[in-house]
Amino acid sequence: MYIDIKSYLKDNHLTIYVISKKSGYGYTTLHKSFNKKQSSATSLNIRDIDAIAKAQNLEMWRVLRELEMHYLK
């Protein structure tokens, strides 16, 4: 199973650039993380979820819940 982060970003009109600027995390770091091939051992990490949450002014648990409910493949 993996999280379809690309679809989540598209559906929420987010880009890695916007997430980087709003969250304070580096663009290159986020780009590498969002574009890596996921496996059961390498999924999104807390930093990624925190960055997405900050970019949307949401709590991390809300982002995680949305990802689990609608973007888990």
PDB file of N, CA and C in Angstrom:
ATOM      1  N   MET A   1       0.841  -1.178   0.000  1.00  0.00           N
ATOM      2  CA  MET A   1       0.000   0.000   0.000  1.00  0.00           C
ATOM      3  C   MET A   1       0.887   1.243   0.000  1.00  0.00           C
ATOM      4  N   TYR A   2       0.373   2.285  -0.624  1.00  0.00           N
ATOM      5  CA  TYR A   2       1.094   3.541  -0.642  1.00  0.00           C
ATOM      6  C   TYR A   2       0.091   4.694  -0.630  1.00  0.00           C
ATOM      7  N   ILE A   3       0.588   5.871  -0.328  1.00  0.00           N
ATOM      8  CA  ILE A   3      -0.252   7.068  -0.312  1.00  0.00           C
ATOM      9  C   ILE A   3      -0.064   7.788  -1.639  1.00  0.00           C
ATOM     10  N   ASP A   4      -1.157   8.046  -2.328  1.00  0.00           N
ATOM     11  CA  ASP A   4      -1.114   8.742  -3.609  1.00  0.00           C
ATOM     12  C   ASP A   4      -1.025  10.248  -3.354  1.00  0.00           C
ATOM     13  N   ILE A   5       0.172  10.675  -2.968  1.00  0.00           N
ATOM     14  CA  ILE A   5       0.375  12.063  -2.581  1.00  0.00           C
ATOM     15  C   ILE A   5       0.190  13.021  -3.757  1.00  0.00           C
ATOM     16  N   LYS A   6       0.533  12.591  -4.944  1.00  0.00           N
ATOM     17  CA  LYS A   6       0.384  13.453  -6.131  1.00  0.00           C
ATOM     18  C   LYS A   6      -1.087  13.817  -6.341  1.00  0.00           C
ATOM     19  N   SER A   7      -1.969  12.848  -6.181  1.00  0.00           N
ATOM     20  CA  SER A   7      -3.403  13.124  -6.336  1.00  0.00           C
ATOM     21  C   SER A   7      -3.897  14.047  -5.231  1.00  0.00           C
ATOM     22  N   TYR A   8      -3.410  13.825  -4.016  1.00  0.00           N
ATOM     23  CA  TYR A   8      -3.812  14.694  -2.902  1.00  0.00           C
ATOM     24  C   TYR A   8      -3.405  16.137  -3.186  1.00  0.00           C
ATOM     25  N   LEU A   9      -2.179  16.333  -3.622  1.00  0.00           N
ATOM     26  CA  LEU A   9      -1.706  17.686  -3.907  1.00  0.00           C
ATOM     27  C   LEU A   9      -2.529  18.319  -5.027  1.00  0.00           C
ATOM     28  N   LYS A  10      -2.786  17.564  -6.075  1.00  0.00           N
ATOM     29  CA  LYS A  10      -3.578  18.075  -7.200  1.00  0.00           C
ATOM     30  C   LYS A  10      -4.992  18.431  -6.757  1.00  0.00           C
ATOM     31  N   ASP A  11      -5.631  17.540  -6.020  1.00  0.00           N
ATOM     32  CA  ASP A  11      -7.009  17.768  -5.568  1.00  0.00           C
ATOM     33  C   ASP A  11      -7.125  18.979  -4.644  1.00  0.00           C
ATOM     34  N   ASN A  12      -6.047  19.280  -3.926  1.00  0.00           N
ATOM     35  CA  ASN A  12      -6.066  20.405  -2.993  1.00  0.00           C
ATOM     36  C   ASN A  12      -5.352  21.638  -3.538  1.00  0.00           C
ATOM     37  N   HIS A  13      -5.072  21.619  -4.837  1.00  0.00           N
ATOM     38  CA  HIS A  13      -4.441  22.750  -5.527  1.00  0.00           C
ATOM     39  C   HIS A  13      -3.158  23.199  -4.838  1.00  0.00           C
ATOM     40  N   LEU A  14      -2.328  22.221  -4.484  1.00  0.00           N
ATOM     41  CA  LEU A  14      -1.056  22.493  -3.819  1.00  0.00           C
ATOM     42  C   LEU A  14       0.095  22.102  -4.732  1.00  0.00           C
ATOM     43  N   THR A  15       1.165  22.857  -4.652  1.00  0.00           N
ATOM     44  CA  THR A  15       2.403  22.493  -5.328  1.00  0.00           C
ATOM     45  C   THR A  15       3.479  22.341  -4.260  1.00  0.00           C
ATOM     46  N   ILE A  16       4.530  21.666  -4.612  1.00  0.00           N
ATOM     47  CA  ILE A  16       5.636  21.509  -3.666  1.00  0.00           C
ATOM     48  C   ILE A  16       6.219  22.878  -3.333  1.00  0.00           C
ATOM     49  N   TYR A  17       6.263  23.763  -4.306  1.00  0.00           N
ATOM     50  CA  TYR A  17       6.782  25.115  -4.082  1.00  0.00           C
ATOM     51  C   TYR A  17       5.954  25.852  -3.023  1.00  0.00           C
ATOM     52  N   VAL A  18       4.640  25.810  -3.167  1.00  0.00           N
ATOM     53  CA  VAL A  18       3.752  26.487  -2.209  1.00  0.00           C
ATOM     54  C   VAL A  18       3.891  25.863  -0.822  1.00  0.00           C
ATOM     55  N   ILE A  19       3.930  24.552  -0.757  1.00  0.00           N
ATOM     56  CA  ILE A  19       4.098  23.866   0.527  1.00  0.00           C
ATOM     57  C   ILE A  19       5.408  24.287   1.174  1.00  0.00           C
ATOM     58  N   SER A  20       6.463  24.350   0.380  1.00  0.00           N
ATOM     59  CA  SER A  20       7.768  24.755   0.889  1.00  0.00           C
ATOM     60  C   SER A  20       7.730  26.161   1.469  1.00  0.00           C
ATOM     61  N   LYS A  21       7.160  27.085   0.727  1.00  0.00           N
ATOM     62  CA  LYS A  21       7.114  28.485   1.177  1.00  0.00           C
ATOM     63  C   LYS A  21       6.255  28.657   2.431  1.00  0.00           C
ATOM     64  N   LYS A  22       5.109  28.013   2.461  1.00  0.00           N
ATOM     65  CA  LYS A  22       4.198  28.181   3.595  1.00  0.00           C
ATOM     66  C   LYS A  22       4.620  27.412   4.841  1.00  0.00           C
ATOM     67  N   SER A  23       5.345  26.305   4.643  1.00  0.00           N
ATOM     68  CA  SER A  23       5.710  25.474   5.794  1.00  0.00           C
ATOM     69  C   SER A  23       7.091  25.792   6.358  1.00  0.00           C
ATOM     70  N   GLY A  24       7.958  26.353   5.515  1.00  0.00           N
ATOM     71  CA  GLY A  24       9.314  26.639   5.960  1.00  0.00           C
ATOM     72  C   GLY A  24      10.291  25.498   5.713  1.00  0.00           C
ATOM     73  N   TYR A  25       9.807  24.387   5.174  1.00  0.00           N
ATOM     74  CA  TYR A  25      10.688  23.271   4.837  1.00  0.00           C
ATOM     75  C   TYR A  25      11.289  23.517   3.453  1.00  0.00           C
ATOM     76  N   GLY A  26      12.477  22.998   3.235  1.00  0.00           N
ATOM     77  CA  GLY A  26      13.168  23.209   1.970  1.00  0.00           C
ATOM     78  C   GLY A  26      12.487  22.546   0.785  1.00  0.00           C
ATOM     79  N   TYR A  27      12.482  23.241  -0.342  1.00  0.00           N
ATOM     80  CA  TYR A  27      11.863  22.724  -1.554  1.00  0.00           C
ATOM     81  C   TYR A  27      12.495  21.398  -1.979  1.00  0.00           C
ATOM     82  N   THR A  28      13.819  21.349  -2.016  1.00  0.00           N
ATOM     83  CA  THR A  28      14.511  20.148  -2.472  1.00  0.00           C
ATOM     84  C   THR A  28      14.187  18.947  -1.596  1.00  0.00           C
ATOM     85  N   THR A  29      14.156  19.161  -0.297  1.00  0.00           N
ATOM     86  CA  THR A  29      13.830  18.083   0.637  1.00  0.00           C
ATOM     87  C   THR A  29      12.430  17.544   0.374  1.00  0.00           C
ATOM     88  N   LEU A  30      11.465  18.452   0.237  1.00  0.00           N
ATOM     89  CA  LEU A  30      10.084  18.029  -0.009  1.00  0.00           C
ATOM     90  C   LEU A  30       9.946  17.382  -1.385  1.00  0.00           C
ATOM     91  N   HIS A  31      10.601  17.946  -2.376  1.00  0.00           N
ATOM     92  CA  HIS A  31      10.521  17.397  -3.732  1.00  0.00           C
ATOM     93  C   HIS A  31      11.022  15.956  -3.761  1.00  0.00           C
ATOM     94  N   LYS A  32      12.152  15.709  -3.135  1.00  0.00           N
ATOM     95  CA  LYS A  32      12.690  14.346  -3.090  1.00  0.00           C
ATOM     96  C   LYS A  32      11.732  13.400  -2.372  1.00  0.00           C
ATOM     97  N   SER A  33      11.161  13.863  -1.284  1.00  0.00           N
ATOM     98  CA  SER A  33      10.278  13.021  -0.494  1.00  0.00           C
ATOM     99  C   SER A  33       8.976  12.717  -1.231  1.00  0.00           C
ATOM    100  N   PHE A  34       8.371  13.726  -1.854  1.00  0.00           N
ATOM    101  CA  PHE A  34       7.094  13.528  -2.539  1.00  0.00           C
ATOM    102  C   PHE A  34       7.247  12.748  -3.847  1.00  0.00           C
ATOM    103  N   ASN A  35       8.448  12.711  -4.392  1.00  0.00           N
ATOM    104  CA  ASN A  35       8.661  12.030  -5.663  1.00  0.00           C
ATOM    105  C   ASN A  35       9.352  10.679  -5.549  1.00  0.00           C
ATOM    106  N   LYS A  36       9.681  10.266  -4.330  1.00  0.00           N
ATOM    107  CA  LYS A  36      10.324   8.963  -4.171  1.00  0.00           C
ATOM    108  C   LYS A  36       9.296   7.845  -4.324  1.00  0.00           C
ATOM    109  N   LYS A  37       9.778   6.703  -4.735  1.00  0.00           N
ATOM    110  CA  LYS A  37       8.912   5.536  -4.829  1.00  0.00           C
ATOM    111  C   LYS A  37       8.630   5.038  -3.418  1.00  0.00           C
ATOM    112  N   GLN A  38       7.362   4.874  -3.104  1.00  0.00           N
ATOM    113  CA  GLN A  38       6.972   4.431  -1.771  1.00  0.00           C
ATOM    114  C   GLN A  38       6.867   2.915  -1.717  1.00  0.00           C
ATOM    115  N   SER A  39       7.198   2.390  -0.561  1.00  0.00           N
ATOM    116  CA  SER A  39       6.982   0.979  -0.263  1.00  0.00           C
ATOM    117  C   SER A  39       6.462   0.900   1.166  1.00  0.00           C
ATOM    118  N   SER A  40       6.256  -0.285   1.651  1.00  0.00           N
ATOM    119  CA  SER A  40       5.776  -0.404   3.032  1.00  0.00           C
ATOM    120  C   SER A  40       6.819   0.109   4.025  1.00  0.00           C
ATOM    121  N   ALA A  41       8.077   0.138   3.600  1.00  0.00           N
ATOM    122  CA  ALA A  41       9.149   0.615   4.488  1.00  0.00           C
ATOM    123  C   ALA A  41       9.418   2.107   4.322  1.00  0.00           C
ATOM    124  N   THR A  42       9.031   2.676   3.199  1.00  0.00           N
ATOM    125  CA  THR A  42       9.298   4.097   2.952  1.00  0.00           C
ATOM    126  C   THR A  42       8.033   4.804   2.500  1.00  0.00           C
ATOM    127  N   SER A  43       7.264   5.250   3.430  1.00  0.00           N
ATOM    128  CA  SER A  43       6.076   6.023   3.096  1.00  0.00           C
ATOM    129  C   SER A  43       6.358   7.481   3.449  1.00  0.00           C
ATOM    130  N   LEU A  44       5.333   8.295   3.467  1.00  0.00           N
ATOM    131  CA  LEU A  44       5.516   9.687   3.878  1.00  0.00           C
ATOM    132  C   LEU A  44       5.947   9.735   5.332  1.00  0.00           C
ATOM    133  N   ASN A  45       6.696  10.737   5.686  1.00  0.00           N
ATOM    134  CA  ASN A  45       7.120  10.848   7.080  1.00  0.00           C
ATOM    135  C   ASN A  45       6.393  12.015   7.759  1.00  0.00           C
ATOM    136  N   ILE A  46       6.636  12.164   9.030  1.00  0.00           N
ATOM    137  CA  ILE A  46       5.963  13.195   9.824  1.00  0.00           C
ATOM    138  C   ILE A  46       6.241  14.588   9.267  1.00  0.00           C
ATOM    139  N   ARG A  47       7.470  14.834   8.818  1.00  0.00           N
ATOM    140  CA  ARG A  47       7.825  16.135   8.259  1.00  0.00           C
ATOM    141  C   ARG A  47       6.931  16.469   7.070  1.00  0.00           C
ATOM    142  N   ASP A  48       6.707  15.503   6.196  1.00  0.00           N
ATOM    143  CA  ASP A  48       5.885  15.734   5.012  1.00  0.00           C
ATOM    144  C   ASP A  48       4.450  16.088   5.392  1.00  0.00           C
ATOM    145  N   ILE A  49       3.906  15.354   6.328  1.00  0.00           N
ATOM    146  CA  ILE A  49       2.536  15.623   6.776  1.00  0.00           C
ATOM    147  C   ILE A  49       2.464  16.976   7.470  1.00  0.00           C
ATOM    148  N   ASP A  50       3.474  17.298   8.261  1.00  0.00           N
ATOM    149  CA  ASP A  50       3.529  18.602   8.923  1.00  0.00           C
ATOM    150  C   ASP A  50       3.588  19.720   7.891  1.00  0.00           C
ATOM    151  N   ALA A  51       4.390  19.562   6.864  1.00  0.00           N
ATOM    152  CA  ALA A  51       4.515  20.581   5.817  1.00  0.00           C
ATOM    153  C   ALA A  51       3.180  20.804   5.106  1.00  0.00           C
ATOM    154  N   ILE A  52       2.503  19.718   4.757  1.00  0.00           N
ATOM    155  CA  ILE A  52       1.202  19.823   4.093  1.00  0.00           C
ATOM    156  C   ILE A  52       0.192  20.515   5.006  1.00  0.00           C
ATOM    157  N   ALA A  53       0.193  20.140   6.271  1.00  0.00           N
ATOM    158  CA  ALA A  53      -0.738  20.737   7.233  1.00  0.00           C
ATOM    159  C   ALA A  53      -0.478  22.236   7.389  1.00  0.00           C
ATOM    160  N   LYS A  54       0.778  22.617   7.538  1.00  0.00           N
ATOM    161  CA  LYS A  54       1.114  24.039   7.678  1.00  0.00           C
ATOM    162  C   LYS A  54       0.712  24.833   6.442  1.00  0.00           C
ATOM    163  N   ALA A  55       0.897  24.265   5.275  1.00  0.00           N
ATOM    164  CA  ALA A  55       0.554  24.951   4.029  1.00  0.00           C
ATOM    165  C   ALA A  55      -0.946  25.201   3.908  1.00  0.00           C
ATOM    166  N   GLN A  56      -1.742  24.372   4.598  1.00  0.00           N
ATOM    167  CA  GLN A  56      -3.202  24.509   4.526  1.00  0.00           C
ATOM    168  C   GLN A  56      -3.814  25.048   5.815  1.00  0.00           C
ATOM    169  N   ASN A  57      -2.962  25.399   6.770  1.00  0.00           N
ATOM    170  CA  ASN A  57      -3.440  25.863   8.079  1.00  0.00           C
ATOM    171  C   ASN A  57      -4.369  24.841   8.731  1.00  0.00           C
ATOM    172  N   LEU A  58      -3.943  23.583   8.692  1.00  0.00           N
ATOM    173  CA  LEU A  58      -4.700  22.485   9.297  1.00  0.00           C
ATOM    174  C   LEU A  58      -3.862  21.788  10.349  1.00  0.00           C
ATOM    175  N   GLU A  59      -4.527  21.012  11.184  1.00  0.00           N
ATOM    176  CA  GLU A  59      -3.813  20.156  12.116  1.00  0.00           C
ATOM    177  C   GLU A  59      -3.310  18.939  11.351  1.00  0.00           C
ATOM    178  N   MET A  60      -2.199  18.392  11.789  1.00  0.00           N
ATOM    179  CA  MET A  60      -1.609  17.240  11.109  1.00  0.00           C
ATOM    180  C   MET A  60      -2.561  16.051  11.068  1.00  0.00           C
ATOM    181  N   TRP A  61      -3.319  15.818  12.132  1.00  0.00           N
ATOM    182  CA  TRP A  61      -4.210  14.662  12.163  1.00  0.00           C
ATOM    183  C   TRP A  61      -5.282  14.756  11.083  1.00  0.00           C
ATOM    184  N   ARG A  62      -5.688  15.974  10.743  1.00  0.00           N
ATOM    185  CA  ARG A  62      -6.701  16.131   9.691  1.00  0.00           C
ATOM    186  C   ARG A  62      -6.133  15.719   8.329  1.00  0.00           C
ATOM    187  N   VAL A  63      -4.910  16.113   8.070  1.00  0.00           N
ATOM    188  CA  VAL A  63      -4.263  15.741   6.810  1.00  0.00           C
ATOM    189  C   VAL A  63      -4.072  14.225   6.759  1.00  0.00           C
ATOM    190  N   LEU A  64      -3.570  13.657   7.839  1.00  0.00           N
ATOM    191  CA  LEU A  64      -3.352  12.218   7.890  1.00  0.00           C
ATOM    192  C   LEU A  64      -4.661  11.446   7.694  1.00  0.00           C
ATOM    193  N   ARG A  65      -5.702  11.913   8.322  1.00  0.00           N
ATOM    194  CA  ARG A  65      -7.004  11.245   8.176  1.00  0.00           C
ATOM    195  C   ARG A  65      -7.487  11.303   6.725  1.00  0.00           C
ATOM    196  N   GLU A  66      -7.347  12.457   6.089  1.00  0.00           N
ATOM    197  CA  GLU A  66      -7.745  12.604   4.689  1.00  0.00           C
ATOM    198  C   GLU A  66      -6.922  11.670   3.785  1.00  0.00           C
ATOM    199  N   LEU A  67      -5.630  11.615   4.035  1.00  0.00           N
ATOM    200  CA  LEU A  67      -4.771  10.732   3.251  1.00  0.00           C
ATOM    201  C   LEU A  67      -5.173   9.273   3.429  1.00  0.00           C
ATOM    202  N   GLU A  68      -5.429   8.870   4.662  1.00  0.00           N
ATOM    203  CA  GLU A  68      -5.804   7.481   4.934  1.00  0.00           C
ATOM    204  C   GLU A  68      -7.161   7.112   4.343  1.00  0.00           C
ATOM    205  N   MET A  69      -8.092   8.051   4.408  1.00  0.00           N
ATOM    206  CA  MET A  69      -9.459   7.748   3.954  1.00  0.00           C
ATOM    207  C   MET A  69      -9.602   7.760   2.435  1.00  0.00           C
ATOM    208  N   HIS A  70      -8.861   8.638   1.756  1.00  0.00           N
ATOM    209  CA  HIS A  70      -9.107   8.829   0.334  1.00  0.00           C
ATOM    210  C   HIS A  70      -7.918   8.584  -0.594  1.00  0.00           C
ATOM    211  N   TYR A  71      -6.717   8.491  -0.060  1.00  0.00           N
ATOM    212  CA  TYR A  71      -5.548   8.411  -0.941  1.00  0.00           C
ATOM    213  C   TYR A  71      -4.648   7.220  -0.660  1.00  0.00           C
ATOM    214  N   LEU A  72      -5.117   6.279   0.101  1.00  0.00           N
ATOM    215  CA  LEU A  72      -4.352   5.077   0.395  1.00  0.00           C
ATOM    216  C   LEU A  72      -4.660   4.043  -0.673  1.00  0.00           C
ATOM    217  N   LYS A  73      -3.667   3.637  -1.395  1.00  0.00           N
ATOM    218  CA  LYS A  73      -3.857   2.697  -2.523  1.00  0.00           C
ATOM    219  C   LYS A  73      -3.287   1.342  -2.177  1.00  0.00           C
TER     220      LYS A  73
END
